[in-house]
Amino acid sequence: MSFLSVFKAVSAQLNKAAKTLDDKIDTFASSVSDEIISSFNIDNEHKNEIIEIIKGKFSILFENEKRKTTNGFMVFCNEKRKEVSELEKEKNPNIKPTEISKVLGGMWKELSQEDRNHYNSIASDKKDKPEEKKEPVKEKEVCQFD
C-alpha cells in the first residue's frame, strides 16, 4: 500500500469522525434547547439562538486549534454569502448551505483575474496584520433568557 493511499484512508476516517462529532453536538444542542424552551416557557422562535449559544460553548474544545490563513476565495465568499443566500432561498427555501457554496464557487470561477486579484490582495493584507484577540463574551451578555 502506498503512502498516498494510506493517507487518504486515514484522512477519510478523520473526516468521518469529525462529521460524527458535529452531528452529535447538533443533536445534543437541539435536545438541550428543547429542554430549556419547555422548562422556562420560552417561545420556540428562539430555538436557533439557543442552539447557537450551546454550540458556542463547545468552541472552547477547539480554541487552540490553528486557523487556516484566509485566501481570496474565502474573502469573496464572506462578502457575497449573505446576498447569494437570500437570492437562492427565494428560489428554494430548503436550499442547503453546500448548494450555496457551489453557487459561490461558480461565481468565483466566472470572476475576471483582475477581480480575483482584488480579493487576493485583501486576503494578503489580512495575513500581514496580526489577529486581534476578541474579548470573551460575558455569560450575562450571551444568555438573553434570564
C-alpha atoms as a PDB file:
ATOM      1  CA  MET A   1       0.000   0.000   0.000  1.00  0.00           C
ATOM      2  CA  SER A   2       1.422   3.393  -0.938  1.00  0.00           C
ATOM      3  CA  PHE A   3       1.766   6.286   1.457  1.00  0.00           C
ATOM      4  CA  LEU A   4      -0.809   8.286  -0.505  1.00  0.00           C
ATOM      5  CA  SER A   5      -3.468   5.584  -0.286  1.00  0.00           C
ATOM      6  CA  VAL A   6      -2.856   5.166   3.459  1.00  0.00           C
ATOM      7  CA  PHE A   7      -3.002   8.931   3.911  1.00  0.00           C
ATOM      8  CA  LYS A   8      -6.278   9.122   2.004  1.00  0.00           C
ATOM      9  CA  ALA A   9      -7.772   6.307   4.075  1.00  0.00           C
ATOM     10  CA  VAL A  10      -6.729   7.928   7.363  1.00  0.00           C
ATOM     11  CA  SER A  11      -7.978  11.305   6.159  1.00  0.00           C
ATOM     12  CA  ALA A  12     -11.349   9.805   5.240  1.00  0.00           C
ATOM     13  CA  GLN A  13     -11.642   8.216   8.698  1.00  0.00           C
ATOM     14  CA  LEU A  14     -10.781  11.519  10.398  1.00  0.00           C
ATOM     15  CA  ASN A  15     -13.356  13.361   8.301  1.00  0.00           C
ATOM     16  CA  LYS A  16     -15.954  10.729   9.179  1.00  0.00           C
ATOM     17  CA  ALA A  17     -15.138  11.052  12.902  1.00  0.00           C
ATOM     18  CA  ALA A  18     -15.332  14.859  12.718  1.00  0.00           C
ATOM     19  CA  LYS A  19     -18.709  14.651  10.947  1.00  0.00           C
ATOM     20  CA  THR A  20     -19.971  12.236  13.615  1.00  0.00           C
ATOM     21  CA  LEU A  21     -18.817  14.602  16.354  1.00  0.00           C
ATOM     22  CA  ASP A  22     -20.518  17.551  14.634  1.00  0.00           C
ATOM     23  CA  ASP A  23     -23.740  15.555  14.316  1.00  0.00           C
ATOM     24  CA  LYS A  24     -23.628  14.562  17.992  1.00  0.00           C
ATOM     25  CA  ILE A  25     -23.059  18.176  19.056  1.00  0.00           C
ATOM     26  CA  ASP A  26     -26.002  19.266  16.865  1.00  0.00           C
ATOM     27  CA  THR A  27     -28.252  16.582  18.367  1.00  0.00           C
ATOM     28  CA  PHE A  28     -27.167  17.456  21.890  1.00  0.00           C
ATOM     29  CA  ALA A  29     -27.683  21.199  21.350  1.00  0.00           C
ATOM     30  CA  SER A  30     -31.128  20.593  19.874  1.00  0.00           C
ATOM     31  CA  SER A  31     -32.267  18.386  22.749  1.00  0.00           C
ATOM     32  CA  VAL A  32     -30.899  20.788  25.383  1.00  0.00           C
ATOM     33  CA  SER A  33     -32.617  23.720  23.650  1.00  0.00           C
ATOM     34  CA  ASP A  34     -35.900  21.790  23.710  1.00  0.00           C
ATOM     35  CA  GLU A  35     -35.466  21.244  27.459  1.00  0.00           C
ATOM     36  CA  ILE A  36     -34.684  24.929  28.026  1.00  0.00           C
ATOM     37  CA  ILE A  37     -37.686  26.029  25.961  1.00  0.00           C
ATOM     38  CA  SER A  38     -40.091  23.754  27.825  1.00  0.00           C
ATOM     39  CA  SER A  39     -38.599  24.394  31.296  1.00  0.00           C
ATOM     40  CA  PHE A  40     -38.591  28.176  31.033  1.00  0.00           C
ATOM     41  CA  ASN A  41     -41.653  28.649  28.790  1.00  0.00           C
ATOM     42  CA  ILE A  42     -39.625  30.368  26.068  1.00  0.00           C
ATOM     43  CA  ASP A  43     -41.097  30.932  22.610  1.00  0.00           C
ATOM     44  CA  ASN A  44     -39.998  28.262  20.153  1.00  0.00           C
ATOM     45  CA  GLU A  45     -38.889  31.002  17.753  1.00  0.00           C
ATOM     46  CA  HIS A  46     -35.749  31.424  19.911  1.00  0.00           C
ATOM     47  CA  LYS A  47     -34.666  27.812  19.426  1.00  0.00           C
ATOM     48  CA  ASN A  48     -31.963  28.602  16.841  1.00  0.00           C
ATOM     49  CA  GLU A  49     -30.474  31.303  19.072  1.00  0.00           C
ATOM     50  CA  ILE A  50     -30.326  28.889  21.996  1.00  0.00           C
ATOM     51  CA  ILE A  51     -28.725  26.204  19.828  1.00  0.00           C
ATOM     52  CA  GLU A  52     -26.029  28.644  18.660  1.00  0.00           C
ATOM     53  CA  ILE A  53     -25.290  29.636  22.263  1.00  0.00           C
ATOM     54  CA  ILE A  54     -24.932  25.973  23.260  1.00  0.00           C
ATOM     55  CA  LYS A  55     -22.732  25.190  20.264  1.00  0.00           C
ATOM     56  CA  GLY A  56     -20.606  28.221  21.124  1.00  0.00           C
ATOM     57  CA  LYS A  57     -19.788  26.586  24.435  1.00  0.00           C
ATOM     58  CA  PHE A  58     -18.197  23.704  22.526  1.00  0.00           C
ATOM     59  CA  SER A  59     -15.848  26.101  20.751  1.00  0.00           C
ATOM     60  CA  ILE A  60     -13.686  26.029  23.889  1.00  0.00           C
ATOM     61  CA  LEU A  61     -12.671  22.500  22.890  1.00  0.00           C
ATOM     62  CA  PHE A  62     -11.185  23.786  19.650  1.00  0.00           C
ATOM     63  CA  GLU A  63      -9.944  27.175  20.851  1.00  0.00           C
ATOM     64  CA  ASN A  64      -6.242  26.366  20.474  1.00  0.00           C
ATOM     65  CA  GLU A  65      -6.737  24.932  17.013  1.00  0.00           C
ATOM     66  CA  LYS A  66      -4.579  26.783  14.498  1.00  0.00           C
ATOM     67  CA  ARG A  67      -6.721  28.600  11.963  1.00  0.00           C
ATOM     68  CA  LYS A  68      -6.008  28.360   8.290  1.00  0.00           C
ATOM     69  CA  THR A  69      -4.995  31.560   6.613  1.00  0.00           C
ATOM     70  CA  THR A  70      -7.636  33.325   4.592  1.00  0.00           C
ATOM     71  CA  ASN A  71      -7.372  33.335   0.814  1.00  0.00           C
ATOM     72  CA  GLY A  72      -9.069  35.467  -1.824  1.00  0.00           C
ATOM     73  CA  PHE A  73     -11.854  32.959  -2.362  1.00  0.00           C
ATOM     74  CA  MET A  74     -12.728  32.990   1.347  1.00  0.00           C
ATOM     75  CA  VAL A  75     -12.810  36.801   1.382  1.00  0.00           C
ATOM     76  CA  PHE A  76     -15.089  36.707  -1.679  1.00  0.00           C
ATOM     77  CA  CYS A  77     -17.390  34.143  -0.015  1.00  0.00           C
ATOM     78  CA  ASN A  78     -17.579  36.115   3.217  1.00  0.00           C
ATOM     79  CA  GLU A  79     -18.558  39.213   1.267  1.00  0.00           C
ATOM     80  CA  LYS A  80     -21.126  37.582  -1.032  1.00  0.00           C
ATOM     81  CA  ARG A  81     -22.578  34.707   1.043  1.00  0.00           C
ATOM     82  CA  LYS A  82     -25.457  36.627   2.636  1.00  0.00           C
ATOM     83  CA  GLU A  83     -26.546  38.165  -0.665  1.00  0.00           C
ATOM     84  CA  VAL A  84     -26.355  34.849  -2.552  1.00  0.00           C
ATOM     85  CA  SER A  85     -28.058  33.012   0.297  1.00  0.00           C
ATOM     86  CA  GLU A  86     -31.035  35.388   0.249  1.00  0.00           C
ATOM     87  CA  LEU A  87     -31.391  35.160  -3.536  1.00  0.00           C
ATOM     88  CA  GLU A  88     -31.137  31.373  -3.592  1.00  0.00           C
ATOM     89  CA  LYS A  89     -33.557  30.964  -0.677  1.00  0.00           C
ATOM     90  CA  GLU A  90     -36.157  32.940  -2.618  1.00  0.00           C
ATOM     91  CA  LYS A  91     -35.908  30.309  -5.373  1.00  0.00           C
ATOM     92  CA  ASN A  92     -35.677  27.337  -2.998  1.00  0.00           C
ATOM     93  CA  PRO A  93     -36.418  27.875   0.717  1.00  0.00           C
ATOM     94  CA  ASN A  94     -34.986  24.427   1.576  1.00  0.00           C
ATOM     95  CA  ILE A  95     -31.613  25.007  -0.079  1.00  0.00           C
ATOM     96  CA  LYS A  96     -28.665  23.533   1.776  1.00  0.00           C
ATOM     97  CA  PRO A  97     -25.525  25.511   2.669  1.00  0.00           C
ATOM     98  CA  THR A  98     -23.474  23.220   0.432  1.00  0.00           C
ATOM     99  CA  GLU A  99     -25.572  24.297  -2.557  1.00  0.00           C
ATOM    100  CA  ILE A 100     -24.962  27.959  -1.704  1.00  0.00           C
ATOM    101  CA  SER A 101     -21.235  27.192  -1.550  1.00  0.00           C
ATOM    102  CA  LYS A 102     -21.445  25.639  -5.016  1.00  0.00           C
ATOM    103  CA  VAL A 103     -23.091  28.805  -6.351  1.00  0.00           C
ATOM    104  CA  LEU A 104     -20.331  30.905  -4.783  1.00  0.00           C
ATOM    105  CA  GLY A 105     -17.703  28.629  -6.322  1.00  0.00           C
ATOM    106  CA  GLY A 106     -19.284  29.096  -9.739  1.00  0.00           C
ATOM    107  CA  MET A 107     -19.331  32.856  -9.269  1.00  0.00           C
ATOM    108  CA  TRP A 108     -15.630  32.794  -8.296  1.00  0.00           C
ATOM    109  CA  LYS A 109     -14.764  30.835 -11.444  1.00  0.00           C
ATOM    110  CA  GLU A 110     -16.543  33.437 -13.563  1.00  0.00           C
ATOM    111  CA  LEU A 111     -14.674  36.361 -11.988  1.00  0.00           C
ATOM    112  CA  SER A 112     -12.039  38.114 -14.056  1.00  0.00           C
ATOM    113  CA  GLN A 113      -8.405  37.772 -12.992  1.00  0.00           C
ATOM    114  CA  GLU A 114      -8.448  41.454 -12.022  1.00  0.00           C
ATOM    115  CA  ASP A 115     -11.357  40.898  -9.614  1.00  0.00           C
ATOM    116  CA  ARG A 116      -9.719  37.779  -8.195  1.00  0.00           C
ATOM    117  CA  ASN A 117      -6.519  39.731  -7.622  1.00  0.00           C
ATOM    118  CA  HIS A 118      -8.544  42.320  -5.711  1.00  0.00           C
ATOM    119  CA  TYR A 119      -9.836  39.675  -3.286  1.00  0.00           C
ATOM    120  CA  ASN A 120      -6.405  38.025  -3.059  1.00  0.00           C
ATOM    121  CA  SER A 121      -4.841  41.349  -2.088  1.00  0.00           C
ATOM    122  CA  ILE A 122      -7.436  41.823   0.655  1.00  0.00           C
ATOM    123  CA  ALA A 123      -6.587  38.331   1.932  1.00  0.00           C
ATOM    124  CA  SER A 124      -2.850  39.036   1.897  1.00  0.00           C
ATOM    125  CA  ASP A 125      -3.449  42.293   3.803  1.00  0.00           C
ATOM    126  CA  LYS A 126      -5.273  40.265   6.459  1.00  0.00           C
ATOM    127  CA  LYS A 127      -2.338  37.838   6.673  1.00  0.00           C
ATOM    128  CA  ASP A 128       0.093  40.700   7.310  1.00  0.00           C
ATOM    129  CA  LYS A 129      -1.933  42.128  10.187  1.00  0.00           C
ATOM    130  CA  PRO A 130      -1.801  40.246  13.480  1.00  0.00           C
ATOM    131  CA  GLU A 131      -5.192  38.939  14.540  1.00  0.00           C
ATOM    132  CA  GLU A 132      -6.918  40.988  17.166  1.00  0.00           C
ATOM    133  CA  LYS A 133      -7.954  38.942  20.136  1.00  0.00           C
ATOM    134  CA  LYS A 134     -11.638  39.220  20.839  1.00  0.00           C
ATOM    135  CA  GLU A 135     -12.725  39.794  24.389  1.00  0.00           C
ATOM    136  CA  PRO A 136     -14.629  36.820  25.759  1.00  0.00           C
ATOM    137  CA  VAL A 137     -18.338  37.424  25.930  1.00  0.00           C
ATOM    138  CA  LYS A 138     -19.636  37.529  29.465  1.00  0.00           C
ATOM    139  CA  GLU A 139     -22.239  34.948  30.387  1.00  0.00           C
ATOM    140  CA  LYS A 140     -24.933  37.548  31.107  1.00  0.00           C
ATOM    141  CA  GLU A 141     -24.470  39.124  27.676  1.00  0.00           C
ATOM    142  CA  VAL A 142     -24.788  35.761  25.920  1.00  0.00           C
ATOM    143  CA  CYS A 143     -27.850  34.482  27.744  1.00  0.00           C
ATOM    144  CA  GLN A 144     -30.831  36.642  26.863  1.00  0.00           C
ATOM    145  CA  PHE A 145     -33.379  34.492  28.665  1.00  0.00           C
ATOM    146  CA  ASP A 146     -32.642  35.140  32.363  1.00  0.00           C
END
